[in-house]
Amino acid sequence: MSREKKVKTMMDKMNNLANAVHNAKDPGMKQIWTDKWYALVKTYARRIQSMEVSKPDPYNEHLNKTKEEKNENQGLSTNIR
């Protein structure tokens, strides 16, 4: 599964829990759903952080460059004067 699809799935689950919190009439149930939502947010935050690349890949330096850096190397300028 792609990263985008994983993030979308996570967001859908958080949205469903947020809707459950909003729609709960009993304060006890509202608190239970809120606690579950916060636990899910913490879990997903840790998961997303682990998805991030910790350092640039020295074997694929061209993939680590920003769009501006690539244009500078090709002699193109992104600054319009």
N, C-alpha and C. Protein backbone atom coordinates (compact mmCIF):
# COMPACT_ATOMS: atom_id res chain seq x y z
N MET A 1 0.85 -1.17 0.00
CA MET A 1 0.00 0.00 0.00
C MET A 1 0.90 1.24 0.00
N SER A 2 0.55 2.22 -0.81
CA SER A 2 1.35 3.44 -0.91
C SER A 2 1.21 4.28 0.35
N ARG A 3 2.17 5.17 0.53
CA ARG A 3 2.16 6.04 1.71
C ARG A 3 0.90 6.90 1.74
N GLU A 4 0.51 7.42 0.59
CA GLU A 4 -0.67 8.28 0.52
C GLU A 4 -1.93 7.51 0.92
N LYS A 5 -2.01 6.27 0.48
CA LYS A 5 -3.18 5.46 0.80
C LYS A 5 -3.21 5.13 2.30
N LYS A 6 -2.03 4.87 2.88
CA LYS A 6 -1.97 4.61 4.32
C LYS A 6 -2.41 5.82 5.12
N VAL A 7 -1.93 7.00 4.72
CA VAL A 7 -2.30 8.23 5.42
C VAL A 7 -3.79 8.50 5.27
N LYS A 8 -4.34 8.26 4.07
CA LYS A 8 -5.78 8.47 3.87
C LYS A 8 -6.59 7.53 4.76
N THR A 9 -6.16 6.28 4.87
CA THR A 9 -6.85 5.32 5.73
C THR A 9 -6.81 5.78 7.18
N MET A 10 -5.63 6.26 7.61
CA MET A 10 -5.50 6.77 8.99
C MET A 10 -6.45 7.94 9.22
N MET A 11 -6.49 8.86 8.26
CA MET A 11 -7.35 10.03 8.40
C MET A 11 -8.83 9.65 8.43
N ASP A 12 -9.21 8.67 7.64
CA ASP A 12 -10.60 8.21 7.64
C ASP A 12 -10.98 7.62 9.00
N LYS A 13 -10.08 6.83 9.58
CA LYS A 13 -10.36 6.24 10.89
C LYS A 13 -10.47 7.32 11.96
N MET A 14 -9.56 8.32 11.91
CA MET A 14 -9.64 9.41 12.89
C MET A 14 -10.92 10.22 12.71
N ASN A 15 -11.32 10.44 11.47
CA ASN A 15 -12.55 11.17 11.19
C ASN A 15 -13.77 10.42 11.72
N ASN A 16 -13.80 9.10 11.53
CA ASN A 16 -14.91 8.29 12.05
C ASN A 16 -15.00 8.37 13.57
N LEU A 17 -13.85 8.32 14.23
CA LEU A 17 -13.86 8.44 15.70
C LEU A 17 -14.29 9.85 16.13
N ALA A 18 -13.85 10.86 15.40
CA ALA A 18 -14.25 12.23 15.74
C ALA A 18 -15.76 12.39 15.58
N ASN A 19 -16.32 11.77 14.55
CA ASN A 19 -17.77 11.81 14.36
C ASN A 19 -18.49 11.08 15.50
N ALA A 20 -17.92 9.97 15.96
CA ALA A 20 -18.52 9.23 17.08
C ALA A 20 -18.51 10.09 18.34
N VAL A 21 -17.42 10.82 18.56
CA VAL A 21 -17.36 11.73 19.72
C VAL A 21 -18.44 12.79 19.61
N HIS A 22 -18.54 13.37 18.43
CA HIS A 22 -19.50 14.46 18.22
C HIS A 22 -20.95 13.98 18.38
N ASN A 23 -21.23 12.77 17.92
CA ASN A 23 -22.61 12.27 17.94
C ASN A 23 -23.01 11.59 19.25
N ALA A 24 -22.06 11.32 20.13
CA ALA A 24 -22.37 10.63 21.39
C ALA A 24 -23.19 11.55 22.30
N LYS A 25 -24.28 11.05 22.81
CA LYS A 25 -25.14 11.86 23.69
C LYS A 25 -24.75 11.70 25.15
N ASP A 26 -24.32 10.51 25.53
CA ASP A 26 -23.93 10.22 26.91
C ASP A 26 -22.51 10.75 27.16
N PRO A 27 -22.30 11.56 28.20
CA PRO A 27 -20.96 12.09 28.49
C PRO A 27 -19.91 11.00 28.71
N GLY A 28 -20.32 9.86 29.28
CA GLY A 28 -19.39 8.76 29.49
C GLY A 28 -18.91 8.18 28.17
N MET A 29 -19.83 8.00 27.24
CA MET A 29 -19.47 7.48 25.92
C MET A 29 -18.63 8.50 25.15
N LYS A 30 -18.98 9.77 25.31
CA LYS A 30 -18.20 10.83 24.65
C LYS A 30 -16.75 10.78 25.13
N GLN A 31 -16.55 10.57 26.44
CA GLN A 31 -15.20 10.50 26.99
C GLN A 31 -14.46 9.26 26.47
N ILE A 32 -15.15 8.14 26.37
CA ILE A 32 -14.53 6.91 25.86
C ILE A 32 -14.06 7.11 24.42
N TRP A 33 -14.94 7.68 23.57
CA TRP A 33 -14.56 7.91 22.18
C TRP A 33 -13.43 8.93 22.07
N THR A 34 -13.45 9.96 22.94
CA THR A 34 -12.37 10.96 22.93
C THR A 34 -11.04 10.32 23.29
N ASP A 35 -11.04 9.46 24.31
CA ASP A 35 -9.81 8.78 24.71
C ASP A 35 -9.28 7.90 23.58
N LYS A 36 -10.18 7.21 22.90
CA LYS A 36 -9.77 6.35 21.78
C LYS A 36 -9.21 7.20 20.64
N TRP A 37 -9.80 8.37 20.39
CA TRP A 37 -9.32 9.25 19.33
C TRP A 37 -7.91 9.73 19.65
N TYR A 38 -7.67 10.19 20.90
CA TYR A 38 -6.33 10.65 21.28
C TYR A 38 -5.30 9.53 21.18
N ALA A 39 -5.66 8.31 21.58
CA ALA A 39 -4.74 7.17 21.48
C ALA A 39 -4.41 6.89 20.01
N LEU A 40 -5.41 6.98 19.15
CA LEU A 40 -5.18 6.75 17.72
C LEU A 40 -4.28 7.82 17.13
N VAL A 41 -4.48 9.07 17.52
CA VAL A 41 -3.64 10.17 17.03
C VAL A 41 -2.19 9.93 17.43
N LYS A 42 -1.95 9.55 18.66
CA LYS A 42 -0.58 9.29 19.12
C LYS A 42 0.05 8.13 18.35
N THR A 43 -0.72 7.08 18.13
CA THR A 43 -0.22 5.92 17.38
C THR A 43 0.14 6.32 15.96
N TYR A 44 -0.74 7.07 15.30
CA TYR A 44 -0.49 7.48 13.93
C TYR A 44 0.67 8.46 13.84
N ALA A 45 0.82 9.32 14.83
CA ALA A 45 1.95 10.26 14.83
C ALA A 45 3.27 9.50 14.86
N ARG A 46 3.35 8.48 15.70
CA ARG A 46 4.57 7.67 15.75
C ARG A 46 4.79 6.94 14.43
N ARG A 47 3.72 6.43 13.84
CA ARG A 47 3.83 5.69 12.58
C ARG A 47 4.28 6.62 11.45
N ILE A 48 3.73 7.82 11.38
CA ILE A 48 4.11 8.76 10.34
C ILE A 48 5.56 9.20 10.50
N GLN A 49 5.98 9.42 11.73
CA GLN A 49 7.38 9.78 11.96
C GLN A 49 8.32 8.68 11.50
N SER A 50 7.93 7.43 11.69
CA SER A 50 8.78 6.33 11.26
C SER A 50 8.80 6.18 9.75
N MET A 51 7.80 6.72 9.05
CA MET A 51 7.77 6.68 7.58
C MET A 51 8.76 7.67 6.98
N GLU A 52 9.09 8.73 7.69
CA GLU A 52 9.93 9.78 7.15
C GLU A 52 11.36 9.29 6.99
N VAL A 53 12.01 9.79 5.96
CA VAL A 53 13.39 9.43 5.71
C VAL A 53 14.26 10.18 6.72
N SER A 54 15.12 9.45 7.40
CA SER A 54 15.92 10.08 8.44
C SER A 54 17.09 10.86 7.89
N LYS A 55 17.67 10.43 6.77
CA LYS A 55 18.79 11.17 6.18
C LYS A 55 18.77 10.98 4.67
N PRO A 56 19.39 11.89 3.94
CA PRO A 56 19.40 11.78 2.47
C PRO A 56 20.12 10.52 2.02
N ASP A 57 19.71 10.03 0.87
CA ASP A 57 20.31 8.84 0.29
C ASP A 57 21.51 9.27 -0.57
N PRO A 58 22.73 8.93 -0.15
CA PRO A 58 23.91 9.38 -0.90
C PRO A 58 24.02 8.73 -2.28
N TYR A 59 23.39 7.59 -2.50
CA TYR A 59 23.47 6.91 -3.79
C TYR A 59 22.51 7.47 -4.81
N ASN A 60 21.52 8.22 -4.36
CA ASN A 60 20.54 8.84 -5.27
C ASN A 60 20.44 10.32 -4.95
N GLU A 61 21.57 11.02 -5.04
CA GLU A 61 21.59 12.43 -4.66
C GLU A 61 20.62 13.27 -5.47
N HIS A 62 20.41 12.92 -6.73
CA HIS A 62 19.50 13.70 -7.56
C HIS A 62 18.06 13.64 -7.03
N LEU A 63 17.72 12.61 -6.27
CA LEU A 63 16.38 12.52 -5.70
C LEU A 63 16.24 13.38 -4.45
N ASN A 64 17.35 13.72 -3.82
CA ASN A 64 17.33 14.49 -2.58
C ASN A 64 17.26 16.00 -2.82
N LYS A 65 17.48 16.43 -4.06
CA LYS A 65 17.54 17.85 -4.35
C LYS A 65 16.14 18.44 -4.50
N THR A 66 16.02 19.71 -4.14
CA THR A 66 14.76 20.42 -4.32
C THR A 66 14.63 20.84 -5.79
N LYS A 67 13.47 21.29 -6.15
CA LYS A 67 13.22 21.72 -7.52
C LYS A 67 14.14 22.88 -7.91
N GLU A 68 14.35 23.81 -6.97
CA GLU A 68 15.21 24.95 -7.24
C GLU A 68 16.65 24.52 -7.47
N GLU A 69 17.13 23.57 -6.68
CA GLU A 69 18.50 23.09 -6.84
C GLU A 69 18.68 22.39 -8.19
N LYS A 70 17.68 21.65 -8.62
CA LYS A 70 17.76 20.98 -9.92
C LYS A 70 17.81 22.01 -11.05
N ASN A 71 17.00 23.06 -10.94
CA ASN A 71 16.98 24.10 -11.98
C ASN A 71 18.29 24.85 -12.03
N GLU A 72 18.91 25.10 -10.87
CA GLU A 72 20.20 25.79 -10.84
C GLU A 72 21.27 24.96 -11.53
N ASN A 73 21.24 23.66 -11.33
CA ASN A 73 22.23 22.79 -11.97
C ASN A 73 22.06 22.74 -13.48
N GLN A 74 20.86 22.96 -13.96
CA GLN A 74 20.59 22.92 -15.39
C GLN A 74 20.73 24.31 -16.03
N GLY A 75 21.07 25.30 -15.22
CA GLY A 75 21.23 26.65 -15.75
C GLY A 75 19.94 27.41 -15.85
N LEU A 76 18.88 26.90 -15.28
CA LEU A 76 17.59 27.59 -15.31
C LEU A 76 17.45 28.41 -14.05
N SER A 77 16.71 29.45 -14.11
CA SER A 77 16.48 30.29 -12.94
C SER A 77 15.00 30.30 -12.60
N THR A 78 14.70 30.18 -11.30
CA THR A 78 13.31 30.24 -10.87
C THR A 78 12.92 31.66 -10.47
N ASN A 79 13.94 32.54 -10.38
CA ASN A 79 13.68 33.93 -10.02
C ASN A 79 13.35 34.72 -11.27
N ILE A 80 12.21 35.38 -11.26
CA ILE A 80 11.80 36.21 -12.39
C ILE A 80 12.00 37.66 -11.99
N ARG A 81 12.77 38.36 -12.80
CA ARG A 81 13.07 39.77 -12.47
C ARG A 81 12.41 40.70 -13.43
